[in-house]
N, C-alpha and C. Protein backbone atom coordinates (compact mmCIF):
# COMPACT_ATOMS: atom_id res chain seq x y z
N MET A 1 26.98 -5.89 -0.23
CA MET A 1 25.73 -5.54 -0.89
C MET A 1 26.07 -4.93 -2.24
N SER A 2 25.38 -5.38 -3.25
CA SER A 2 25.64 -4.88 -4.60
C SER A 2 25.11 -3.46 -4.77
N THR A 3 25.71 -2.73 -5.69
CA THR A 3 25.27 -1.37 -6.00
C THR A 3 23.84 -1.38 -6.53
N THR A 4 23.51 -2.37 -7.34
CA THR A 4 22.16 -2.48 -7.89
C THR A 4 21.13 -2.62 -6.78
N PHE A 5 21.42 -3.52 -5.83
CA PHE A 5 20.47 -3.72 -4.72
C PHE A 5 20.39 -2.46 -3.86
N PHE A 6 21.50 -1.79 -3.65
CA PHE A 6 21.52 -0.57 -2.86
C PHE A 6 20.59 0.48 -3.48
N PHE A 7 20.70 0.69 -4.79
CA PHE A 7 19.85 1.67 -5.46
C PHE A 7 18.40 1.21 -5.55
N LEU A 8 18.17 -0.08 -5.75
CA LEU A 8 16.81 -0.61 -5.75
C LEU A 8 16.16 -0.38 -4.39
N SER A 9 16.91 -0.57 -3.33
CA SER A 9 16.40 -0.35 -1.97
C SER A 9 16.05 1.11 -1.74
N GLN A 10 16.89 2.01 -2.21
CA GLN A 10 16.59 3.44 -2.06
C GLN A 10 15.32 3.81 -2.82
N PHE A 11 15.20 3.31 -4.04
CA PHE A 11 13.98 3.55 -4.82
C PHE A 11 12.76 2.98 -4.08
N ALA A 12 12.89 1.78 -3.54
CA ALA A 12 11.77 1.12 -2.87
C ALA A 12 11.34 1.90 -1.63
N ILE A 13 12.27 2.45 -0.88
CA ILE A 13 11.92 3.24 0.30
C ILE A 13 11.04 4.41 -0.13
N LEU A 14 11.45 5.11 -1.18
CA LEU A 14 10.65 6.24 -1.68
C LEU A 14 9.29 5.78 -2.21
N ALA A 15 9.28 4.70 -2.96
CA ALA A 15 8.02 4.21 -3.53
C ALA A 15 7.06 3.76 -2.44
N TYR A 16 7.55 3.02 -1.44
CA TYR A 16 6.70 2.63 -0.32
C TYR A 16 6.09 3.87 0.34
N ALA A 17 6.91 4.89 0.54
CA ALA A 17 6.43 6.11 1.20
C ALA A 17 5.41 6.84 0.34
N ILE A 18 5.61 6.88 -0.97
CA ILE A 18 4.65 7.54 -1.86
C ILE A 18 3.31 6.81 -1.84
N VAL A 19 3.33 5.49 -1.94
CA VAL A 19 2.09 4.72 -1.90
C VAL A 19 1.41 4.90 -0.54
N ALA A 20 2.19 4.92 0.53
CA ALA A 20 1.61 5.17 1.87
C ALA A 20 0.94 6.53 1.91
N GLY A 21 1.54 7.53 1.27
CA GLY A 21 0.96 8.87 1.25
C GLY A 21 -0.37 8.92 0.52
N VAL A 22 -0.46 8.21 -0.59
CA VAL A 22 -1.72 8.16 -1.32
C VAL A 22 -2.80 7.52 -0.44
N PHE A 23 -2.47 6.40 0.17
CA PHE A 23 -3.44 5.72 1.03
C PHE A 23 -3.79 6.58 2.24
N LEU A 24 -2.81 7.27 2.81
CA LEU A 24 -3.07 8.13 3.96
C LEU A 24 -4.07 9.22 3.62
N ALA A 25 -3.94 9.81 2.45
CA ALA A 25 -4.88 10.86 2.04
C ALA A 25 -6.31 10.33 2.04
N PHE A 26 -6.49 9.12 1.53
CA PHE A 26 -7.84 8.52 1.53
C PHE A 26 -8.33 8.28 2.94
N SER A 27 -7.51 7.69 3.79
CA SER A 27 -7.96 7.38 5.15
C SER A 27 -8.16 8.64 5.98
N ASP A 28 -7.35 9.66 5.74
CA ASP A 28 -7.40 10.85 6.58
C ASP A 28 -8.55 11.79 6.22
N PHE A 29 -8.73 12.07 4.93
CA PHE A 29 -9.75 13.08 4.60
C PHE A 29 -10.58 12.81 3.36
N ILE A 30 -10.10 12.05 2.42
CA ILE A 30 -10.88 11.85 1.19
C ILE A 30 -12.15 11.05 1.47
N MET A 31 -12.04 9.93 2.16
CA MET A 31 -13.22 9.11 2.42
C MET A 31 -14.21 9.84 3.33
N ARG A 32 -13.70 10.56 4.31
CA ARG A 32 -14.59 11.33 5.19
C ARG A 32 -15.33 12.39 4.38
N SER A 33 -14.62 13.04 3.47
CA SER A 33 -15.24 14.07 2.62
C SER A 33 -16.29 13.47 1.71
N LEU A 34 -15.98 12.32 1.11
CA LEU A 34 -16.95 11.66 0.23
C LEU A 34 -18.19 11.22 1.02
N ALA A 35 -17.99 10.77 2.25
CA ALA A 35 -19.13 10.35 3.08
C ALA A 35 -20.03 11.53 3.41
N LEU A 36 -19.46 12.71 3.53
CA LEU A 36 -20.24 13.90 3.88
C LEU A 36 -21.07 14.44 2.71
N THR A 37 -20.90 13.88 1.52
CA THR A 37 -21.69 14.33 0.38
C THR A 37 -23.13 13.87 0.46
N GLY A 38 -23.44 13.00 1.39
CA GLY A 38 -24.81 12.55 1.55
C GLY A 38 -25.09 11.23 0.86
N GLY A 39 -24.11 10.63 0.28
CA GLY A 39 -24.31 9.30 -0.30
C GLY A 39 -24.14 9.25 -1.79
N HIS A 40 -25.02 9.87 -2.53
CA HIS A 40 -25.00 9.74 -3.99
C HIS A 40 -23.72 10.32 -4.60
N GLY A 41 -23.35 11.51 -4.14
CA GLY A 41 -22.13 12.14 -4.65
C GLY A 41 -20.89 11.36 -4.30
N GLY A 42 -20.84 10.83 -3.10
CA GLY A 42 -19.70 10.03 -2.66
C GLY A 42 -19.58 8.74 -3.44
N VAL A 43 -20.72 8.08 -3.66
CA VAL A 43 -20.73 6.82 -4.42
C VAL A 43 -20.24 7.09 -5.83
N GLU A 44 -20.77 8.11 -6.47
CA GLU A 44 -20.37 8.43 -7.84
C GLU A 44 -18.88 8.76 -7.91
N ALA A 45 -18.40 9.57 -6.98
CA ALA A 45 -16.99 9.94 -6.97
C ALA A 45 -16.10 8.72 -6.76
N MET A 46 -16.49 7.83 -5.85
CA MET A 46 -15.67 6.65 -5.59
C MET A 46 -15.69 5.69 -6.77
N GLN A 47 -16.84 5.57 -7.43
CA GLN A 47 -16.89 4.72 -8.63
C GLN A 47 -15.94 5.26 -9.69
N ILE A 48 -15.89 6.55 -9.85
CA ILE A 48 -14.99 7.17 -10.83
C ILE A 48 -13.54 6.98 -10.39
N LEU A 49 -13.25 7.23 -9.13
CA LEU A 49 -11.89 7.03 -8.61
C LEU A 49 -11.42 5.59 -8.84
N ASN A 50 -12.29 4.64 -8.59
CA ASN A 50 -11.92 3.24 -8.75
C ASN A 50 -11.65 2.87 -10.21
N ARG A 51 -12.25 3.59 -11.14
CA ARG A 51 -11.92 3.36 -12.56
C ARG A 51 -10.63 4.07 -12.94
N GLU A 52 -10.43 5.27 -12.44
CA GLU A 52 -9.28 6.10 -12.80
C GLU A 52 -7.97 5.64 -12.16
N VAL A 53 -8.05 4.86 -11.09
CA VAL A 53 -6.83 4.42 -10.40
C VAL A 53 -5.98 3.51 -11.29
N PHE A 54 -6.57 3.00 -12.34
CA PHE A 54 -5.84 2.10 -13.22
C PHE A 54 -4.89 2.82 -14.18
N ARG A 55 -4.77 4.12 -14.04
CA ARG A 55 -3.79 4.85 -14.84
C ARG A 55 -2.40 4.34 -14.49
N TRP A 56 -1.46 4.56 -15.36
CA TRP A 56 -0.17 3.90 -15.25
C TRP A 56 0.68 4.32 -14.06
N VAL A 57 0.63 5.56 -13.60
CA VAL A 57 1.55 5.99 -12.54
C VAL A 57 1.31 5.22 -11.25
N PHE A 58 0.10 5.29 -10.71
CA PHE A 58 -0.17 4.61 -9.45
C PHE A 58 -0.06 3.10 -9.60
N MET A 59 -0.65 2.55 -10.64
CA MET A 59 -0.62 1.10 -10.80
C MET A 59 0.79 0.58 -11.03
N THR A 60 1.63 1.34 -11.71
CA THR A 60 3.03 0.93 -11.89
C THR A 60 3.71 0.86 -10.53
N LEU A 61 3.50 1.88 -9.70
CA LEU A 61 4.09 1.86 -8.36
C LEU A 61 3.51 0.72 -7.53
N PHE A 62 2.19 0.63 -7.49
CA PHE A 62 1.53 -0.35 -6.64
C PHE A 62 1.90 -1.79 -7.04
N LEU A 63 1.74 -2.12 -8.31
CA LEU A 63 2.05 -3.47 -8.77
C LEU A 63 3.56 -3.71 -8.85
N GLY A 64 4.28 -2.69 -9.28
CA GLY A 64 5.74 -2.81 -9.37
C GLY A 64 6.36 -3.07 -8.01
N MET A 65 5.81 -2.45 -6.99
CA MET A 65 6.36 -2.65 -5.65
C MET A 65 6.06 -4.05 -5.12
N ALA A 66 5.04 -4.70 -5.64
CA ALA A 66 4.81 -6.11 -5.26
C ALA A 66 5.97 -6.96 -5.79
N ALA A 67 6.35 -6.73 -7.05
CA ALA A 67 7.48 -7.46 -7.62
C ALA A 67 8.78 -7.11 -6.92
N VAL A 68 9.00 -5.84 -6.68
CA VAL A 68 10.21 -5.40 -5.97
C VAL A 68 10.24 -5.98 -4.56
N SER A 69 9.08 -6.07 -3.92
CA SER A 69 9.01 -6.62 -2.57
C SER A 69 9.42 -8.09 -2.55
N LEU A 70 9.07 -8.82 -3.59
CA LEU A 70 9.53 -10.22 -3.69
C LEU A 70 11.04 -10.28 -3.78
N ILE A 71 11.62 -9.40 -4.58
CA ILE A 71 13.08 -9.35 -4.72
C ILE A 71 13.72 -8.99 -3.38
N LEU A 72 13.17 -7.97 -2.72
CA LEU A 72 13.72 -7.54 -1.43
C LEU A 72 13.63 -8.67 -0.40
N ALA A 73 12.48 -9.30 -0.32
CA ALA A 73 12.30 -10.39 0.64
C ALA A 73 13.28 -11.53 0.36
N GLY A 74 13.43 -11.87 -0.90
CA GLY A 74 14.36 -12.93 -1.27
C GLY A 74 15.81 -12.56 -0.94
N TYR A 75 16.18 -11.34 -1.24
CA TYR A 75 17.55 -10.89 -0.94
C TYR A 75 17.76 -10.83 0.57
N GLY A 76 16.76 -10.35 1.30
CA GLY A 76 16.88 -10.30 2.76
C GLY A 76 17.01 -11.69 3.36
N ALA A 77 16.28 -12.65 2.81
CA ALA A 77 16.30 -14.01 3.34
C ALA A 77 17.55 -14.78 2.95
N PHE A 78 17.99 -14.60 1.70
CA PHE A 78 19.07 -15.46 1.19
C PHE A 78 20.37 -14.73 0.88
N GLY A 79 20.33 -13.40 0.76
CA GLY A 79 21.53 -12.67 0.38
C GLY A 79 22.21 -11.95 1.52
N LEU A 80 21.49 -11.80 2.62
CA LEU A 80 22.04 -11.09 3.77
C LEU A 80 21.81 -11.93 5.02
N SER A 81 22.63 -11.68 6.02
CA SER A 81 22.43 -12.37 7.29
C SER A 81 22.23 -11.34 8.40
N GLY A 82 21.82 -11.82 9.53
CA GLY A 82 21.68 -10.96 10.70
C GLY A 82 20.50 -10.02 10.62
N PRO A 83 20.53 -8.97 11.46
CA PRO A 83 19.41 -8.04 11.54
C PRO A 83 19.09 -7.34 10.22
N ALA A 84 20.08 -7.01 9.43
CA ALA A 84 19.83 -6.34 8.15
C ALA A 84 18.98 -7.22 7.25
N GLY A 85 19.34 -8.48 7.14
CA GLY A 85 18.57 -9.41 6.32
C GLY A 85 17.15 -9.57 6.82
N THR A 86 17.00 -9.67 8.13
CA THR A 86 15.67 -9.82 8.72
C THR A 86 14.80 -8.59 8.45
N LEU A 87 15.37 -7.40 8.65
CA LEU A 87 14.61 -6.17 8.42
C LEU A 87 14.19 -6.03 6.95
N ILE A 88 15.09 -6.36 6.05
CA ILE A 88 14.78 -6.24 4.62
C ILE A 88 13.77 -7.30 4.20
N LEU A 89 13.90 -8.50 4.71
CA LEU A 89 12.91 -9.55 4.47
C LEU A 89 11.53 -9.10 4.96
N LEU A 90 11.48 -8.57 6.17
CA LEU A 90 10.20 -8.10 6.73
C LEU A 90 9.61 -6.95 5.92
N ALA A 91 10.45 -6.06 5.44
CA ALA A 91 9.95 -4.93 4.63
C ALA A 91 9.18 -5.46 3.42
N GLY A 92 9.76 -6.43 2.72
CA GLY A 92 9.10 -7.00 1.55
C GLY A 92 7.83 -7.74 1.91
N LEU A 93 7.87 -8.53 2.98
CA LEU A 93 6.70 -9.31 3.37
C LEU A 93 5.56 -8.43 3.86
N VAL A 94 5.89 -7.38 4.61
CA VAL A 94 4.85 -6.48 5.12
C VAL A 94 4.11 -5.82 3.96
N TYR A 95 4.84 -5.38 2.93
CA TYR A 95 4.17 -4.79 1.77
C TYR A 95 3.31 -5.84 1.07
N LEU A 96 3.88 -7.02 0.83
CA LEU A 96 3.15 -8.05 0.09
C LEU A 96 1.86 -8.47 0.81
N ILE A 97 1.93 -8.61 2.12
CA ILE A 97 0.76 -9.05 2.88
C ILE A 97 -0.13 -7.87 3.27
N GLY A 98 0.47 -6.85 3.88
CA GLY A 98 -0.31 -5.76 4.45
C GLY A 98 -0.82 -4.75 3.47
N CYS A 99 -0.19 -4.65 2.32
CA CYS A 99 -0.66 -3.71 1.30
C CYS A 99 -1.28 -4.45 0.12
N PHE A 100 -0.47 -5.23 -0.58
CA PHE A 100 -0.95 -5.91 -1.77
C PHE A 100 -2.03 -6.95 -1.42
N GLY A 101 -1.76 -7.77 -0.42
CA GLY A 101 -2.72 -8.80 -0.03
C GLY A 101 -4.03 -8.23 0.47
N VAL A 102 -3.95 -7.20 1.32
CA VAL A 102 -5.16 -6.55 1.84
C VAL A 102 -5.96 -5.94 0.69
N THR A 103 -5.28 -5.35 -0.27
CA THR A 103 -5.97 -4.76 -1.42
C THR A 103 -6.77 -5.82 -2.17
N VAL A 104 -6.11 -6.93 -2.46
CA VAL A 104 -6.74 -7.99 -3.25
C VAL A 104 -7.89 -8.65 -2.49
N VAL A 105 -7.71 -8.88 -1.21
CA VAL A 105 -8.70 -9.63 -0.43
C VAL A 105 -9.85 -8.74 0.07
N PHE A 106 -9.58 -7.49 0.40
CA PHE A 106 -10.61 -6.65 1.01
C PHE A 106 -11.05 -5.48 0.14
N ASN A 107 -10.13 -4.60 -0.24
CA ASN A 107 -10.53 -3.37 -0.92
C ASN A 107 -11.08 -3.60 -2.32
N VAL A 108 -10.43 -4.43 -3.11
CA VAL A 108 -10.91 -4.65 -4.49
C VAL A 108 -12.31 -5.26 -4.51
N PRO A 109 -12.61 -6.30 -3.72
CA PRO A 109 -13.98 -6.82 -3.73
C PRO A 109 -15.03 -5.77 -3.35
N MET A 110 -14.70 -4.90 -2.39
CA MET A 110 -15.65 -3.84 -2.04
C MET A 110 -15.80 -2.85 -3.19
N ASN A 111 -14.70 -2.54 -3.87
CA ASN A 111 -14.77 -1.64 -5.02
C ASN A 111 -15.62 -2.24 -6.13
N GLU A 112 -15.46 -3.53 -6.37
CA GLU A 112 -16.23 -4.20 -7.42
C GLU A 112 -17.72 -4.24 -7.07
N ALA A 113 -18.03 -4.46 -5.80
CA ALA A 113 -19.43 -4.46 -5.38
C ALA A 113 -20.04 -3.07 -5.58
N LEU A 114 -19.30 -2.04 -5.21
CA LEU A 114 -19.79 -0.67 -5.36
C LEU A 114 -19.96 -0.30 -6.83
N ALA A 115 -19.05 -0.78 -7.67
CA ALA A 115 -19.10 -0.45 -9.10
C ALA A 115 -20.39 -0.94 -9.75
N GLY A 116 -20.93 -2.05 -9.26
CA GLY A 116 -22.13 -2.61 -9.86
C GLY A 116 -23.43 -2.07 -9.29
N MET A 117 -23.34 -1.12 -8.39
CA MET A 117 -24.55 -0.59 -7.75
C MET A 117 -25.05 0.66 -8.45
N GLU A 118 -26.36 0.83 -8.40
CA GLU A 118 -27.01 2.02 -8.93
C GLU A 118 -26.81 3.15 -7.94
N MET A 119 -26.30 4.27 -8.41
CA MET A 119 -25.95 5.39 -7.53
C MET A 119 -27.11 5.93 -6.72
N SER A 120 -28.28 5.97 -7.29
CA SER A 120 -29.39 6.68 -6.64
C SER A 120 -30.26 5.80 -5.74
N SER A 121 -29.97 4.52 -5.63
CA SER A 121 -30.85 3.67 -4.82
C SER A 121 -30.55 3.81 -3.32
N ASP A 122 -31.58 3.60 -2.53
CA ASP A 122 -31.43 3.66 -1.08
C ASP A 122 -30.53 2.53 -0.56
N THR A 123 -30.59 1.37 -1.22
CA THR A 123 -29.74 0.25 -0.84
C THR A 123 -28.26 0.61 -1.02
N THR A 124 -27.95 1.28 -2.12
CA THR A 124 -26.57 1.71 -2.37
C THR A 124 -26.13 2.72 -1.33
N ARG A 125 -26.99 3.66 -1.04
CA ARG A 125 -26.66 4.68 -0.03
C ARG A 125 -26.40 4.02 1.32
N ALA A 126 -27.24 3.08 1.72
CA ALA A 126 -27.05 2.38 2.99
C ALA A 126 -25.74 1.59 2.99
N TYR A 127 -25.48 0.86 1.90
CA TYR A 127 -24.22 0.12 1.79
C TYR A 127 -23.03 1.07 1.88
N TRP A 128 -23.12 2.18 1.16
CA TRP A 128 -22.05 3.16 1.11
C TRP A 128 -21.72 3.69 2.51
N LEU A 129 -22.73 4.13 3.23
CA LEU A 129 -22.49 4.79 4.52
C LEU A 129 -22.27 3.80 5.67
N GLN A 130 -22.97 2.68 5.65
CA GLN A 130 -22.90 1.77 6.78
C GLN A 130 -21.84 0.68 6.64
N THR A 131 -21.50 0.33 5.41
CA THR A 131 -20.57 -0.77 5.19
C THR A 131 -19.30 -0.31 4.48
N TYR A 132 -19.47 0.22 3.29
CA TYR A 132 -18.32 0.53 2.44
C TYR A 132 -17.37 1.52 3.10
N VAL A 133 -17.83 2.69 3.46
CA VAL A 133 -16.94 3.73 3.99
C VAL A 133 -16.18 3.25 5.22
N PRO A 134 -16.84 2.71 6.25
CA PRO A 134 -16.05 2.31 7.43
C PRO A 134 -15.10 1.13 7.16
N ARG A 135 -15.57 0.11 6.46
CA ARG A 135 -14.72 -1.06 6.22
C ARG A 135 -13.60 -0.75 5.24
N TRP A 136 -13.92 -0.08 4.15
CA TRP A 136 -12.90 0.25 3.15
C TRP A 136 -11.83 1.14 3.78
N THR A 137 -12.27 2.10 4.57
CA THR A 137 -11.32 3.01 5.22
C THR A 137 -10.45 2.27 6.23
N PHE A 138 -11.04 1.35 6.97
CA PHE A 138 -10.24 0.55 7.91
C PHE A 138 -9.14 -0.21 7.18
N TRP A 139 -9.51 -0.95 6.13
CA TRP A 139 -8.52 -1.74 5.41
C TRP A 139 -7.54 -0.84 4.66
N ASN A 140 -8.00 0.32 4.23
CA ASN A 140 -7.08 1.27 3.61
C ASN A 140 -6.06 1.78 4.63
N SER A 141 -6.50 1.97 5.86
CA SER A 141 -5.58 2.39 6.92
C SER A 141 -4.55 1.30 7.21
N VAL A 142 -4.96 0.05 7.14
CA VAL A 142 -4.01 -1.06 7.28
C VAL A 142 -2.96 -0.98 6.17
N ARG A 143 -3.41 -0.70 4.94
CA ARG A 143 -2.47 -0.57 3.82
C ARG A 143 -1.52 0.60 4.05
N THR A 144 -2.03 1.69 4.57
CA THR A 144 -1.19 2.86 4.85
C THR A 144 -0.08 2.50 5.83
N ILE A 145 -0.47 1.86 6.92
CA ILE A 145 0.50 1.47 7.95
C ILE A 145 1.50 0.47 7.39
N ALA A 146 1.03 -0.48 6.59
CA ALA A 146 1.93 -1.48 6.01
C ALA A 146 2.96 -0.84 5.10
N CYS A 147 2.54 0.09 4.26
CA CYS A 147 3.49 0.77 3.37
C CYS A 147 4.50 1.59 4.14
N ALA A 148 4.03 2.33 5.15
CA ALA A 148 4.94 3.13 5.96
C ALA A 148 5.90 2.23 6.74
N ALA A 149 5.39 1.13 7.26
CA ALA A 149 6.25 0.19 7.99
C ALA A 149 7.28 -0.44 7.05
N SER A 150 6.88 -0.76 5.83
CA SER A 150 7.82 -1.31 4.86
C SER A 150 8.94 -0.33 4.56
N ALA A 151 8.58 0.94 4.39
CA ALA A 151 9.60 1.97 4.14
C ALA A 151 10.57 2.06 5.31
N ALA A 152 10.03 2.07 6.54
CA ALA A 152 10.88 2.18 7.72
C ALA A 152 11.75 0.94 7.90
N LEU A 153 11.17 -0.24 7.76
CA LEU A 153 11.94 -1.48 7.90
C LEU A 153 13.06 -1.54 6.87
N LEU A 154 12.75 -1.17 5.65
CA LEU A 154 13.76 -1.21 4.60
C LEU A 154 14.85 -0.17 4.86
N LEU A 155 14.46 1.01 5.30
CA LEU A 155 15.44 2.04 5.62
C LEU A 155 16.38 1.55 6.72
N PHE A 156 15.83 1.02 7.80
CA PHE A 156 16.67 0.53 8.89
C PHE A 156 17.52 -0.65 8.47
N GLY A 157 16.95 -1.54 7.66
CA GLY A 157 17.74 -2.67 7.16
C GLY A 157 18.89 -2.22 6.28
N LEU A 158 18.62 -1.27 5.42
CA LEU A 158 19.66 -0.75 4.53
C LEU A 158 20.74 -0.04 5.34
N LEU A 159 20.33 0.76 6.32
CA LEU A 159 21.31 1.42 7.19
C LEU A 159 22.16 0.41 7.93
N TRP A 160 21.51 -0.61 8.47
CA TRP A 160 22.23 -1.65 9.20
C TRP A 160 23.24 -2.35 8.29
N ALA A 161 22.79 -2.69 7.10
CA ALA A 161 23.67 -3.39 6.17
C ALA A 161 24.85 -2.53 5.74
N THR A 162 24.61 -1.26 5.47
CA THR A 162 25.71 -0.40 5.00
C THR A 162 26.65 -0.04 6.14
N GLN A 163 26.14 0.12 7.35
CA GLN A 163 27.03 0.43 8.48
C GLN A 163 27.94 -0.75 8.80
N ASN A 164 27.39 -1.94 8.76
CA ASN A 164 28.19 -3.12 9.04
C ASN A 164 29.17 -3.42 7.91
N GLN A 165 28.82 -3.06 6.71
CA GLN A 165 29.68 -3.28 5.55
C GLN A 165 30.88 -2.34 5.59
N ALA A 166 30.69 -1.15 6.12
CA ALA A 166 31.75 -0.15 6.12
C ALA A 166 32.74 -0.35 7.26
N ARG A 167 32.41 -1.13 8.25
CA ARG A 167 33.31 -1.35 9.38
C ARG A 167 34.41 -2.33 9.00
N PRO A 168 35.62 -2.05 9.46
CA PRO A 168 36.70 -3.02 9.23
C PRO A 168 36.47 -4.28 10.07
N VAL A 169 36.92 -5.39 9.52
CA VAL A 169 36.73 -6.68 10.20
C VAL A 169 37.78 -6.89 11.24
């Protein structure tokens, strides 16, 4: 295993865990707190959050980890053999499908629908409480689990690869 890949993997484990932590906060208490505002306050806060998320720190991690996940998956599939390669391949694929894919297919469309709604209408309040909060939170929880699983899979794959590399033949 190259030194570059070793350090990239260590960075990726931390980044996966950080992204999982952000998503966990939303699933655990932020969305519940926003729902308890009675509708209008939660809708307004989420509309603002959805605009502010495009700042460079989170988006660099989120989008950057999609690219890194492709590299990890490719290296796991073609650069390593055995359980280490499989675990590293799975780490990349789980992030790409369970985090990035879920975001694009489920969370972003709900965010865009909410962004176009009038905060004070009864229709928006009903959508917010009956549809958006439960569905968005469910898919966000899937993203949380996917990121945490990617971190764990990559950690175990990296450990497996380095332990086998250090053993004499």
